[in-house]
Amino acid sequence: METNRSVCMICERECTEGIHILTQFICLECEQDICRTNVEDDLYDYFVGRLRGLWIDVLNLDKEEANGSTLS
């Protein structure tokens, strides 16, 4: 039986469990770490930096839609 594996945009490991947001994937462990991290924690800025990739995807999708491109 083959399992679906995706690379986490936070830790860059291949994982089988997690969430897909747009074209990105966040593993279950990183998702839980993000949810538990307080703004005062050192890891907060790290997570914010890594999550910028989602905003880049959103902006690129908006540009494609404005240009009339279709996604397959």
N, C-alpha and C. Protein backbone atom coordinates (compact mmCIF):
# COMPACT_ATOMS: atom_id res chain seq x y z
N MET A 1 0.84 -1.19 0.00
CA MET A 1 0.00 0.00 0.00
C MET A 1 0.88 1.25 0.00
N GLU A 2 0.67 2.12 -0.97
CA GLU A 2 1.46 3.34 -1.10
C GLU A 2 0.77 4.47 -0.33
N THR A 3 1.56 5.26 0.41
CA THR A 3 0.99 6.38 1.15
C THR A 3 1.33 7.68 0.45
N ASN A 4 0.42 8.64 0.56
CA ASN A 4 0.63 9.96 0.01
C ASN A 4 1.53 10.74 0.94
N ARG A 5 2.66 11.21 0.43
CA ARG A 5 3.60 11.97 1.25
C ARG A 5 3.75 13.35 0.64
N SER A 6 3.82 14.35 1.49
CA SER A 6 4.01 15.73 1.06
C SER A 6 5.16 16.32 1.86
N VAL A 7 5.80 17.35 1.31
CA VAL A 7 6.90 18.02 2.00
C VAL A 7 6.34 19.23 2.74
N CYS A 8 6.60 19.29 4.03
CA CYS A 8 6.13 20.37 4.88
C CYS A 8 6.87 21.67 4.54
N MET A 9 6.12 22.76 4.38
CA MET A 9 6.74 24.04 4.07
C MET A 9 7.45 24.64 5.28
N ILE A 10 7.22 24.12 6.47
CA ILE A 10 7.86 24.64 7.67
C ILE A 10 9.15 23.88 7.96
N CYS A 11 9.06 22.57 8.14
CA CYS A 11 10.22 21.76 8.54
C CYS A 11 10.90 21.08 7.35
N GLU A 12 10.25 21.09 6.20
CA GLU A 12 10.77 20.52 4.95
C GLU A 12 10.98 19.00 5.00
N ARG A 13 10.26 18.34 5.91
CA ARG A 13 10.29 16.87 5.97
C ARG A 13 9.13 16.32 5.16
N GLU A 14 9.29 15.09 4.69
CA GLU A 14 8.19 14.39 4.04
C GLU A 14 7.30 13.80 5.12
N CYS A 15 6.00 14.06 5.02
CA CYS A 15 5.05 13.59 6.03
C CYS A 15 3.79 13.09 5.35
N THR A 16 3.04 12.28 6.08
CA THR A 16 1.79 11.75 5.55
C THR A 16 0.57 12.46 6.13
N GLU A 17 0.72 13.10 7.29
CA GLU A 17 -0.42 13.74 7.94
C GLU A 17 -0.17 15.23 8.05
N GLY A 18 -1.21 16.01 7.76
CA GLY A 18 -1.10 17.45 7.87
C GLY A 18 -2.20 18.12 7.08
N ILE A 19 -2.00 19.40 6.78
CA ILE A 19 -3.02 20.16 6.06
C ILE A 19 -2.42 20.76 4.80
N HIS A 20 -3.25 20.81 3.77
CA HIS A 20 -2.88 21.46 2.52
C HIS A 20 -3.60 22.81 2.49
N ILE A 21 -2.83 23.86 2.26
CA ILE A 21 -3.39 25.20 2.12
C ILE A 21 -2.89 25.74 0.79
N LEU A 22 -3.81 25.97 -0.12
CA LEU A 22 -3.46 26.34 -1.49
C LEU A 22 -2.52 25.29 -2.04
N THR A 23 -1.32 25.69 -2.43
CA THR A 23 -0.37 24.72 -3.00
C THR A 23 0.65 24.25 -1.97
N GLN A 24 0.51 24.66 -0.72
CA GLN A 24 1.48 24.34 0.32
C GLN A 24 0.93 23.26 1.25
N PHE A 25 1.86 22.65 2.00
CA PHE A 25 1.51 21.60 2.97
C PHE A 25 2.20 21.90 4.28
N ILE A 26 1.48 21.73 5.38
CA ILE A 26 2.05 21.86 6.74
C ILE A 26 1.77 20.56 7.47
N CYS A 27 2.83 19.92 7.96
CA CYS A 27 2.65 18.64 8.65
C CYS A 27 1.93 18.85 9.98
N LEU A 28 1.39 17.77 10.50
CA LEU A 28 0.62 17.81 11.74
C LEU A 28 1.44 18.35 12.90
N GLU A 29 2.69 17.93 13.00
CA GLU A 29 3.55 18.39 14.10
C GLU A 29 3.78 19.91 14.04
N CYS A 30 4.08 20.42 12.85
CA CYS A 30 4.31 21.87 12.70
C CYS A 30 3.01 22.65 12.93
N GLU A 31 1.90 22.11 12.46
CA GLU A 31 0.61 22.76 12.68
C GLU A 31 0.35 22.91 14.19
N GLN A 32 0.61 21.85 14.95
CA GLN A 32 0.41 21.91 16.39
C GLN A 32 1.38 22.89 17.04
N ASP A 33 2.64 22.91 16.58
CA ASP A 33 3.62 23.86 17.12
C ASP A 33 3.20 25.30 16.86
N ILE A 34 2.70 25.56 15.65
CA ILE A 34 2.25 26.91 15.31
C ILE A 34 1.10 27.33 16.23
N CYS A 35 0.17 26.43 16.47
CA CYS A 35 -0.99 26.73 17.31
C CYS A 35 -0.60 26.99 18.76
N ARG A 36 0.48 26.36 19.22
CA ARG A 36 0.91 26.52 20.62
C ARG A 36 1.87 27.67 20.83
N THR A 37 2.38 28.27 19.76
CA THR A 37 3.42 29.30 19.87
C THR A 37 2.81 30.65 20.21
N ASN A 38 3.34 31.26 21.26
CA ASN A 38 2.91 32.60 21.65
C ASN A 38 3.72 33.65 20.88
N VAL A 39 3.16 34.83 20.77
CA VAL A 39 3.82 35.92 20.05
C VAL A 39 5.18 36.23 20.66
N GLU A 40 5.33 36.03 21.95
CA GLU A 40 6.59 36.33 22.63
C GLU A 40 7.67 35.27 22.40
N ASP A 41 7.29 34.09 21.92
CA ASP A 41 8.24 32.99 21.70
C ASP A 41 9.19 33.30 20.55
N ASP A 42 10.41 32.82 20.66
CA ASP A 42 11.40 33.00 19.60
C ASP A 42 10.96 32.36 18.29
N LEU A 43 10.23 31.25 18.38
CA LEU A 43 9.79 30.55 17.18
C LEU A 43 8.71 31.29 16.40
N TYR A 44 8.05 32.25 17.03
CA TYR A 44 6.97 32.97 16.37
C TYR A 44 7.45 33.63 15.07
N ASP A 45 8.56 34.36 15.14
CA ASP A 45 9.09 35.03 13.94
C ASP A 45 9.50 34.02 12.87
N TYR A 46 10.02 32.88 13.30
CA TYR A 46 10.39 31.83 12.35
C TYR A 46 9.15 31.35 11.60
N PHE A 47 8.07 31.06 12.33
CA PHE A 47 6.84 30.59 11.69
C PHE A 47 6.27 31.65 10.76
N VAL A 48 6.27 32.89 11.18
CA VAL A 48 5.77 33.98 10.33
C VAL A 48 6.55 34.03 9.02
N GLY A 49 7.87 33.93 9.12
CA GLY A 49 8.70 33.94 7.92
C GLY A 49 8.40 32.78 6.99
N ARG A 50 8.25 31.60 7.54
CA ARG A 50 7.96 30.42 6.72
C ARG A 50 6.56 30.51 6.09
N LEU A 51 5.60 31.08 6.81
CA LEU A 51 4.23 31.17 6.31
C LEU A 51 4.08 32.25 5.24
N ARG A 52 5.08 33.08 5.05
CA ARG A 52 5.02 34.08 3.97
C ARG A 52 4.83 33.40 2.62
N GLY A 53 5.29 32.16 2.50
CA GLY A 53 5.11 31.41 1.26
C GLY A 53 3.64 31.30 0.86
N LEU A 54 2.76 31.21 1.84
CA LEU A 54 1.33 31.16 1.54
C LEU A 54 0.86 32.48 0.93
N TRP A 55 1.32 33.59 1.48
CA TRP A 55 0.94 34.90 0.95
C TRP A 55 1.47 35.08 -0.47
N ILE A 56 2.66 34.59 -0.73
CA ILE A 56 3.23 34.67 -2.07
C ILE A 56 2.34 33.90 -3.04
N ASP A 57 1.89 32.71 -2.63
CA ASP A 57 0.97 31.93 -3.47
C ASP A 57 -0.32 32.69 -3.72
N VAL A 58 -0.88 33.30 -2.69
CA VAL A 58 -2.13 34.05 -2.83
C VAL A 58 -1.93 35.19 -3.82
N LEU A 59 -0.85 35.92 -3.68
CA LEU A 59 -0.60 37.05 -4.58
C LEU A 59 -0.40 36.57 -6.01
N ASN A 60 0.28 35.47 -6.20
CA ASN A 60 0.49 34.93 -7.54
C ASN A 60 -0.83 34.45 -8.14
N LEU A 61 -1.68 33.83 -7.33
CA LEU A 61 -2.99 33.39 -7.83
C LEU A 61 -3.83 34.59 -8.24
N ASP A 62 -3.79 35.66 -7.44
CA ASP A 62 -4.54 36.86 -7.78
C ASP A 62 -4.07 37.45 -9.10
N LYS A 63 -2.77 37.46 -9.33
CA LYS A 63 -2.22 37.99 -10.59
C LYS A 63 -2.67 37.14 -11.76
N GLU A 64 -2.64 35.81 -11.59
CA GLU A 64 -3.06 34.91 -12.67
C GLU A 64 -4.54 35.11 -12.99
N GLU A 65 -5.37 35.26 -11.96
CA GLU A 65 -6.80 35.47 -12.18
C GLU A 65 -7.05 36.80 -12.87
N ALA A 66 -6.29 37.83 -12.50
CA ALA A 66 -6.45 39.15 -13.12
C ALA A 66 -6.05 39.11 -14.60
N ASN A 67 -5.10 38.26 -14.93
CA ASN A 67 -4.65 38.11 -16.33
C ASN A 67 -5.51 37.15 -17.11
N GLY A 68 -6.50 36.53 -16.48
CA GLY A 68 -7.39 35.61 -17.16
C GLY A 68 -6.84 34.20 -17.29
N SER A 69 -5.80 33.88 -16.56
CA SER A 69 -5.25 32.53 -16.60
C SER A 69 -6.16 31.59 -15.86
N THR A 70 -6.14 30.32 -16.26
CA THR A 70 -6.91 29.30 -15.55
C THR A 70 -5.95 28.30 -14.95
N LEU A 71 -6.30 27.80 -13.80
CA LEU A 71 -5.48 26.81 -13.11
C LEU A 71 -5.97 25.42 -13.49
N SER A 72 -5.05 24.49 -13.67
CA SER A 72 -5.47 23.13 -13.96
C SER A 72 -5.28 22.24 -12.78
